[in-house]
């Protein structure tokens, strides 16, 4: 059975689980490292948001949700 539990990773790499986990035998695990939301972190998403805020599309280039959905459906026809 797969479980997800919250944990903290210290700067030395040690992992501390924040809730109890019970396993019957030695078990493998996957660890996903999450951003803390620290403003000093400059990941790709933060850079992209800043770029988009500073480089708005001109009004004539913007499309409605319906127009975008129609374009997506049209593109799907060609990708099959």
PDB file of N, CA and C in Angstrom:
ATOM      1  N   UNK A   1       0.845  -1.181   0.000  1.00  0.00           N
ATOM      2  CA  UNK A   1       0.000   0.000   0.000  1.00  0.00           C
ATOM      3  C   UNK A   1       0.886   1.239   0.000  1.00  0.00           C
ATOM      4  N   UNK A   2       0.586   2.196  -0.844  1.00  0.00           N
ATOM      5  CA  UNK A   2       1.343   3.439  -0.891  1.00  0.00           C
ATOM      6  C   UNK A   2       0.805   4.413   0.151  1.00  0.00           C
ATOM      7  N   UNK A   3       1.699   5.122   0.787  1.00  0.00           N
ATOM      8  CA  UNK A   3       1.343   6.141   1.768  1.00  0.00           C
ATOM      9  C   UNK A   3       2.103   7.408   1.429  1.00  0.00           C
ATOM     10  N   UNK A   4       1.554   8.526   1.782  1.00  0.00           N
ATOM     11  CA  UNK A   4       2.259   9.796   1.672  1.00  0.00           C
ATOM     12  C   UNK A   4       2.318  10.398   3.061  1.00  0.00           C
ATOM     13  N   UNK A   5       3.517  10.784   3.470  1.00  0.00           N
ATOM     14  CA  UNK A   5       3.690  11.416   4.774  1.00  0.00           C
ATOM     15  C   UNK A   5       4.555  12.660   4.604  1.00  0.00           C
ATOM     16  N   UNK A   6       4.330  13.611   5.468  1.00  0.00           N
ATOM     17  CA  UNK A   6       5.125  14.833   5.416  1.00  0.00           C
ATOM     18  C   UNK A   6       6.431  14.617   6.159  1.00  0.00           C
ATOM     19  N   UNK A   7       7.502  15.225   5.656  1.00  0.00           N
ATOM     20  CA  UNK A   7       8.816  15.093   6.277  1.00  0.00           C
ATOM     21  C   UNK A   7       9.595  16.391   6.087  1.00  0.00           C
ATOM     22  N   UNK A   8      10.656  16.520   6.825  1.00  0.00           N
ATOM     23  CA  UNK A   8      11.577  17.641   6.663  1.00  0.00           C
ATOM     24  C   UNK A   8      12.947  17.077   6.332  1.00  0.00           C
ATOM     25  N   UNK A   9      13.668  17.768   5.451  1.00  0.00           N
ATOM     26  CA  UNK A   9      15.031  17.370   5.116  1.00  0.00           C
ATOM     27  C   UNK A   9      15.957  18.458   5.631  1.00  0.00           C
ATOM     28  N   UNK A  10      16.885  18.061   6.489  1.00  0.00           N
ATOM     29  CA  UNK A  10      17.848  19.010   7.036  1.00  0.00           C
ATOM     30  C   UNK A  10      18.943  19.282   6.019  1.00  0.00           C
ATOM     31  N   UNK A  11      19.680  20.357   6.212  1.00  0.00           N
ATOM     32  CA  UNK A  11      20.729  20.733   5.260  1.00  0.00           C
ATOM     33  C   UNK A  11      21.805  19.662   5.140  1.00  0.00           C
ATOM     34  N   UNK A  12      21.958  18.798   6.147  1.00  0.00           N
ATOM     35  CA  UNK A  12      22.940  17.711   6.061  1.00  0.00           C
ATOM     36  C   UNK A  12      22.369  16.475   5.350  1.00  0.00           C
ATOM     37  N   UNK A  13      21.089  16.558   4.929  1.00  0.00           N
ATOM     38  CA  UNK A  13      20.471  15.478   4.172  1.00  0.00           C
ATOM     39  C   UNK A  13      19.666  14.497   4.997  1.00  0.00           C
ATOM     40  N   UNK A  14      19.665  14.642   6.303  1.00  0.00           N
ATOM     41  CA  UNK A  14      18.863  13.722   7.109  1.00  0.00           C
ATOM     42  C   UNK A  14      17.381  14.038   6.951  1.00  0.00           C
ATOM     43  N   UNK A  15      16.594  12.990   6.908  1.00  0.00           N
ATOM     44  CA  UNK A  15      15.151  13.119   6.705  1.00  0.00           C
ATOM     45  C   UNK A  15      14.451  12.815   8.029  1.00  0.00           C
ATOM     46  N   UNK A  16      13.550  13.699   8.437  1.00  0.00           N
ATOM     47  CA  UNK A  16      12.768  13.500   9.650  1.00  0.00           C
ATOM     48  C   UNK A  16      11.302  13.425   9.263  1.00  0.00           C
ATOM     49  N   UNK A  17      10.680  12.279   9.516  1.00  0.00           N
ATOM     50  CA  UNK A  17       9.250  12.137   9.234  1.00  0.00           C
ATOM     51  C   UNK A  17       8.466  12.913  10.282  1.00  0.00           C
ATOM     52  N   UNK A  18       7.420  13.611   9.858  1.00  0.00           N
ATOM     53  CA  UNK A  18       6.627  14.427  10.758  1.00  0.00           C
ATOM     54  C   UNK A  18       5.393  13.708  11.283  1.00  0.00           C
ATOM     55  N   UNK A  19       5.241  12.443  10.925  1.00  0.00           N
ATOM     56  CA  UNK A  19       4.141  11.627  11.421  1.00  0.00           C
ATOM     57  C   UNK A  19       4.596  10.175  11.424  1.00  0.00           C
ATOM     58  N   UNK A  20       3.995   9.344  12.251  1.00  0.00           N
ATOM     59  CA  UNK A  20       4.438   7.953  12.330  1.00  0.00           C
ATOM     60  C   UNK A  20       4.120   7.169  11.058  1.00  0.00           C
ATOM     61  N   UNK A  21       5.027   6.260  10.716  1.00  0.00           N
ATOM     62  CA  UNK A  21       4.839   5.374   9.567  1.00  0.00           C
ATOM     63  C   UNK A  21       5.146   3.960  10.047  1.00  0.00           C
ATOM     64  N   UNK A  22       4.254   3.040   9.758  1.00  0.00           N
ATOM     65  CA  UNK A  22       4.452   1.643  10.155  1.00  0.00           C
ATOM     66  C   UNK A  22       4.643   0.800   8.896  1.00  0.00           C
ATOM     67  N   UNK A  23       5.746   0.061   8.884  1.00  0.00           N
ATOM     68  CA  UNK A  23       6.010  -0.876   7.789  1.00  0.00           C
ATOM     69  C   UNK A  23       6.373  -2.217   8.409  1.00  0.00           C
ATOM     70  N   UNK A  24       6.076  -3.304   7.700  1.00  0.00           N
ATOM     71  CA  UNK A  24       6.325  -4.648   8.226  1.00  0.00           C
ATOM     72  C   UNK A  24       7.705  -5.163   7.843  1.00  0.00           C
ATOM     73  N   UNK A  25       8.250  -4.637   6.746  1.00  0.00           N
ATOM     74  CA  UNK A  25       9.585  -5.034   6.295  1.00  0.00           C
ATOM     75  C   UNK A  25      10.297  -3.782   5.786  1.00  0.00           C
ATOM     76  N   UNK A  26      11.599  -3.908   5.549  1.00  0.00           N
ATOM     77  CA  UNK A  26      12.360  -2.803   4.977  1.00  0.00           C
ATOM     78  C   UNK A  26      11.688  -2.382   3.674  1.00  0.00           C
ATOM     79  N   UNK A  27      11.430  -1.097   3.542  1.00  0.00           N
ATOM     80  CA  UNK A  27      10.603  -0.602   2.442  1.00  0.00           C
ATOM     81  C   UNK A  27      11.286   0.553   1.733  1.00  0.00           C
ATOM     82  N   UNK A  28      11.175   0.561   0.430  1.00  0.00           N
ATOM     83  CA  UNK A  28      11.707   1.668  -0.360  1.00  0.00           C
ATOM     84  C   UNK A  28      10.765   2.857  -0.271  1.00  0.00           C
ATOM     85  N   UNK A  29      11.294   4.053  -0.534  1.00  0.00           N
ATOM     86  CA  UNK A  29      10.471   5.259  -0.508  1.00  0.00           C
ATOM     87  C   UNK A  29      10.978   6.226  -1.564  1.00  0.00           C
ATOM     88  N   UNK A  30      10.099   7.070  -2.029  1.00  0.00           N
ATOM     89  CA  UNK A  30      10.450   8.170  -2.923  1.00  0.00           C
ATOM     90  C   UNK A  30      10.336   9.458  -2.133  1.00  0.00           C
ATOM     91  N   UNK A  31      11.243  10.380  -2.356  1.00  0.00           N
ATOM     92  CA  UNK A  31      11.210  11.662  -1.661  1.00  0.00           C
ATOM     93  C   UNK A  31      11.066  12.753  -2.707  1.00  0.00           C
ATOM     94  N   UNK A  32      10.073  13.614  -2.520  1.00  0.00           N
ATOM     95  CA  UNK A  32       9.882  14.773  -3.385  1.00  0.00           C
ATOM     96  C   UNK A  32      10.247  16.008  -2.580  1.00  0.00           C
ATOM     97  N   UNK A  33      11.197  16.790  -3.071  1.00  0.00           N
ATOM     98  CA  UNK A  33      11.627  17.985  -2.355  1.00  0.00           C
ATOM     99  C   UNK A  33      10.778  19.157  -2.814  1.00  0.00           C
ATOM    100  N   UNK A  34      10.112  19.823  -1.863  1.00  0.00           N
ATOM    101  CA  UNK A  34       9.230  20.945  -2.152  1.00  0.00           C
ATOM    102  C   UNK A  34       9.919  22.255  -1.819  1.00  0.00           C
ATOM    103  N   UNK A  35       9.575  23.298  -2.558  1.00  0.00           N
ATOM    104  CA  UNK A  35      10.059  24.637  -2.236  1.00  0.00           C
ATOM    105  C   UNK A  35       9.401  25.106  -0.952  1.00  0.00           C
ATOM    106  N   UNK A  36      10.126  25.813  -0.135  1.00  0.00           N
ATOM    107  CA  UNK A  36       9.572  26.349   1.106  1.00  0.00           C
ATOM    108  C   UNK A  36       8.751  27.602   0.893  1.00  0.00           C
ATOM    109  N   UNK A  37       8.756  28.168  -0.296  1.00  0.00           N
ATOM    110  CA  UNK A  37       8.073  29.433  -0.512  1.00  0.00           C
ATOM    111  C   UNK A  37       8.941  30.605  -0.101  1.00  0.00           C
ATOM    112  N   UNK A  38      10.203  30.336   0.155  1.00  0.00           N
ATOM    113  CA  UNK A  38      11.150  31.383   0.529  1.00  0.00           C
ATOM    114  C   UNK A  38      11.362  32.295  -0.672  1.00  0.00           C
ATOM    115  N   UNK A  39      11.234  33.599  -0.470  1.00  0.00           N
ATOM    116  CA  UNK A  39      11.344  34.548  -1.576  1.00  0.00           C
ATOM    117  C   UNK A  39      12.739  34.591  -2.176  1.00  0.00           C
ATOM    118  N   UNK A  40      13.736  34.034  -1.474  1.00  0.00           N
ATOM    119  CA  UNK A  40      15.087  34.027  -2.032  1.00  0.00           C
ATOM    120  C   UNK A  40      15.253  32.930  -3.077  1.00  0.00           C
ATOM    121  N   UNK A  41      14.332  31.969  -3.118  1.00  0.00           N
ATOM    122  CA  UNK A  41      14.389  30.903  -4.122  1.00  0.00           C
ATOM    123  C   UNK A  41      13.920  31.471  -5.451  1.00  0.00           C
ATOM    124  N   UNK A  42      14.705  31.257  -6.465  1.00  0.00           N
ATOM    125  CA  UNK A  42      14.358  31.775  -7.776  1.00  0.00           C
ATOM    126  C   UNK A  42      14.263  30.622  -8.766  1.00  0.00           C
ATOM    127  N   UNK A  43      13.239  29.807  -8.627  1.00  0.00           N
ATOM    128  CA  UNK A  43      13.046  28.674  -9.518  1.00  0.00           C
ATOM    129  C   UNK A  43      12.435  29.104 -10.840  1.00  0.00           C
ATOM    130  N   UNK A  44      12.272  28.171 -11.729  1.00  0.00           N
ATOM    131  CA  UNK A  44      11.731  28.454 -13.055  1.00  0.00           C
ATOM    132  C   UNK A  44      10.329  29.042 -12.994  1.00  0.00           C
ATOM    133  N   UNK A  45       9.474  28.545 -12.106  1.00  0.00           N
ATOM    134  CA  UNK A  45       8.100  29.047 -12.030  1.00  0.00           C
ATOM    135  C   UNK A  45       8.086  30.509 -11.608  1.00  0.00           C
ATOM    136  N   UNK A  46       8.897  30.859 -10.626  1.00  0.00           N
ATOM    137  CA  UNK A  46       8.952  32.249 -10.158  1.00  0.00           C
ATOM    138  C   UNK A  46       9.468  33.175 -11.274  1.00  0.00           C
ATOM    139  N   UNK A  47      10.485  32.715 -11.985  1.00  0.00           N
ATOM    140  CA  UNK A  47      11.026  33.506 -13.090  1.00  0.00           C
ATOM    141  C   UNK A  47       9.989  33.680 -14.199  1.00  0.00           C
ATOM    142  N   UNK A  48       9.248  32.609 -14.483  1.00  0.00           N
ATOM    143  CA  UNK A  48       8.228  32.682 -15.524  1.00  0.00           C
ATOM    144  C   UNK A  48       7.108  33.634 -15.136  1.00  0.00           C
ATOM    145  N   UNK A  49       6.658  33.585 -13.891  1.00  0.00           N
ATOM    146  CA  UNK A  49       5.613  34.506 -13.439  1.00  0.00           C
ATOM    147  C   UNK A  49       6.071  35.950 -13.547  1.00  0.00           C
ATOM    148  N   UNK A  50       7.294  36.211 -13.145  1.00  0.00           N
ATOM    149  CA  UNK A  50       7.836  37.573 -13.247  1.00  0.00           C
ATOM    150  C   UNK A  50       7.886  38.016 -14.708  1.00  0.00           C
ATOM    151  N   UNK A  51       8.338  37.121 -15.583  1.00  0.00           N
ATOM    152  CA  UNK A  51       8.390  37.441 -17.010  1.00  0.00           C
ATOM    153  C   UNK A  51       6.999  37.756 -17.554  1.00  0.00           C
ATOM    154  N   UNK A  52       6.022  36.918 -17.212  1.00  0.00           N
ATOM    155  CA  UNK A  52       4.665  37.125 -17.714  1.00  0.00           C
ATOM    156  C   UNK A  52       4.057  38.421 -17.195  1.00  0.00           C
ATOM    157  N   UNK A  53       4.357  38.773 -15.942  1.00  0.00           N
ATOM    158  CA  UNK A  53       3.844  40.022 -15.388  1.00  0.00           C
ATOM    159  C   UNK A  53       4.447  41.238 -16.083  1.00  0.00           C
ATOM    160  N   UNK A  54       5.682  41.114 -16.502  1.00  0.00           N
ATOM    161  CA  UNK A  54       6.377  42.241 -17.130  1.00  0.00           C
ATOM    162  C   UNK A  54       6.233  42.280 -18.652  1.00  0.00           C
ATOM    163  N   UNK A  55       5.656  41.255 -19.236  1.00  0.00           N
ATOM    164  CA  UNK A  55       5.553  41.171 -20.698  1.00  0.00           C
ATOM    165  C   UNK A  55       4.156  40.740 -21.112  1.00  0.00           C
ATOM    166  N   UNK A  56       3.172  41.539 -20.779  1.00  0.00           N
ATOM    167  CA  UNK A  56       1.781  41.202 -21.088  1.00  0.00           C
ATOM    168  C   UNK A  56       1.559  41.188 -22.600  1.00  0.00           C
ATOM    169  N   UNK A  57       0.705  40.298 -23.035  1.00  0.00           N
ATOM    170  CA  UNK A  57       0.323  40.276 -24.451  1.00  0.00           C
ATOM    171  C   UNK A  57      -0.508  41.504 -24.775  1.00  0.00           C
ATOM    172  N   UNK A  58      -0.339  42.063 -25.959  1.00  0.00           N
ATOM    173  CA  UNK A  58      -1.220  43.162 -26.351  1.00  0.00           C
ATOM    174  C   UNK A  58      -2.661  42.655 -26.439  1.00  0.00           C
ATOM    175  N   UNK A  59      -3.622  43.526 -26.219  1.00  0.00           N
ATOM    176  CA  UNK A  59      -5.034  43.141 -26.185  1.00  0.00           C
ATOM    177  C   UNK A  59      -5.450  42.380 -27.442  1.00  0.00           C
ATOM    178  N   UNK A  60      -4.961  42.788 -28.592  1.00  0.00           N
ATOM    179  CA  UNK A  60      -5.370  42.128 -29.839  1.00  0.00           C
ATOM    180  C   UNK A  60      -4.826  40.709 -29.967  1.00  0.00           C
ATOM    181  N   UNK A  61      -3.816  40.344 -29.182  1.00  0.00           N
ATOM    182  CA  UNK A  61      -3.245  38.997 -29.239  1.00  0.00           C
ATOM    183  C   UNK A  61      -3.891  38.062 -28.225  1.00  0.00           C
ATOM    184  N   UNK A  62      -4.671  38.587 -27.306  1.00  0.00           N
ATOM    185  CA  UNK A  62      -5.300  37.763 -26.269  1.00  0.00           C
ATOM    186  C   UNK A  62      -6.514  37.044 -26.842  1.00  0.00           C
ATOM    187  N   UNK A  63      -6.717  35.804 -26.393  1.00  0.00           N
ATOM    188  CA  UNK A  63      -7.839  35.001 -26.861  1.00  0.00           C
ATOM    189  C   UNK A  63      -8.752  34.665 -25.688  1.00  0.00           C
ATOM    190  N   UNK A  64     -10.030  34.461 -25.998  1.00  0.00           N
ATOM    191  CA  UNK A  64     -10.986  34.066 -24.962  1.00  0.00           C
ATOM    192  C   UNK A  64     -10.773  32.595 -24.634  1.00  0.00           C
ATOM    193  N   UNK A  65     -11.332  32.152 -23.520  1.00  0.00           N
ATOM    194  CA  UNK A  65     -11.238  30.746 -23.136  1.00  0.00           C
ATOM    195  C   UNK A  65     -11.835  29.853 -24.220  1.00  0.00           C
ATOM    196  N   UNK A  66     -12.922  30.284 -24.817  1.00  0.00           N
ATOM    197  CA  UNK A  66     -13.568  29.487 -25.872  1.00  0.00           C
ATOM    198  C   UNK A  66     -12.662  29.368 -27.090  1.00  0.00           C
ATOM    199  N   UNK A  67     -11.996  30.466 -27.456  1.00  0.00           N
ATOM    200  CA  UNK A  67     -11.083  30.422 -28.608  1.00  0.00           C
ATOM    201  C   UNK A  67      -9.893  29.511 -28.322  1.00  0.00           C
ATOM    202  N   UNK A  68      -9.373  29.563 -27.097  1.00  0.00           N
ATOM    203  CA  UNK A  68      -8.247  28.698 -26.745  1.00  0.00           C
ATOM    204  C   UNK A  68      -8.655  27.232 -26.762  1.00  0.00           C
ATOM    205  N   UNK A  69      -9.846  26.939 -26.234  1.00  0.00           N
ATOM    206  CA  UNK A  69     -10.331  25.556 -26.218  1.00  0.00           C
ATOM    207  C   UNK A  69     -10.512  25.036 -27.644  1.00  0.00           C
ATOM    208  N   UNK A  70     -11.047  25.854 -28.520  1.00  0.00           N
ATOM    209  CA  UNK A  70     -11.217  25.450 -29.921  1.00  0.00           C
ATOM    210  C   UNK A  70      -9.869  25.170 -30.574  1.00  0.00           C
ATOM    211  N   UNK A  71      -8.874  25.988 -30.276  1.00  0.00           N
ATOM    212  CA  UNK A  71      -7.534  25.785 -30.839  1.00  0.00           C
ATOM    213  C   UNK A  71      -6.903  24.507 -30.298  1.00  0.00           C
ATOM    214  N   UNK A  72      -7.092  24.231 -29.014  1.00  0.00           N
ATOM    215  CA  UNK A  72      -6.565  23.000 -28.422  1.00  0.00           C
ATOM    216  C   UNK A  72      -7.192  21.783 -29.093  1.00  0.00           C
ATOM    217  N   UNK A  73      -8.514  21.806 -29.273  1.00  0.00           N
ATOM    218  CA  UNK A  73      -9.204  20.688 -29.926  1.00  0.00           C
ATOM    219  C   UNK A  73      -8.719  20.505 -31.358  1.00  0.00           C
ATOM    220  N   UNK A  74      -8.506  21.600 -32.054  1.00  0.00           N
ATOM    221  CA  UNK A  74      -8.004  21.533 -33.430  1.00  0.00           C
ATOM    222  C   UNK A  74      -6.600  20.929 -33.467  1.00  0.00           C
ATOM    223  N   UNK A  75      -5.752  21.350 -32.541  1.00  0.00           N
ATOM    224  CA  UNK A  75      -4.376  20.818 -32.501  1.00  0.00           C
ATOM    225  C   UNK A  75      -4.367  19.339 -32.141  1.00  0.00           C
ATOM    226  N   UNK A  76      -5.281  18.889 -31.312  1.00  0.00           N
ATOM    227  CA  UNK A  76      -5.351  17.477 -30.944  1.00  0.00           C
ATOM    228  C   UNK A  76      -5.667  16.614 -32.149  1.00  0.00           C
ATOM    229  N   UNK A  77      -6.457  17.113 -33.073  1.00  0.00           N
ATOM    230  CA  UNK A  77      -6.788  16.350 -34.280  1.00  0.00           C
ATOM    231  C   UNK A  77      -5.520  16.000 -35.045  1.00  0.00           C
ATOM    232  N   UNK A  78      -4.567  16.916 -35.057  1.00  0.00           N
ATOM    233  CA  UNK A  78      -3.349  16.726 -35.847  1.00  0.00           C
ATOM    234  C   UNK A  78      -2.279  15.956 -35.098  1.00  0.00           C
ATOM    235  N   UNK A  79      -2.417  15.799 -33.783  1.00  0.00           N
ATOM    236  CA  UNK A  79      -1.365  15.123 -33.020  1.00  0.00           C
ATOM    237  C   UNK A  79      -1.621  13.617 -32.885  1.00  0.00           C
ATOM    238  N   UNK A  80      -2.751  13.143 -33.360  1.00  0.00           N
ATOM    239  CA  UNK A  80      -3.087  11.711 -33.228  1.00  0.00           C
ATOM    240  C   UNK A  80      -2.462  10.917 -34.333  1.00  0.00           C
TER     241      UNK A  80
END
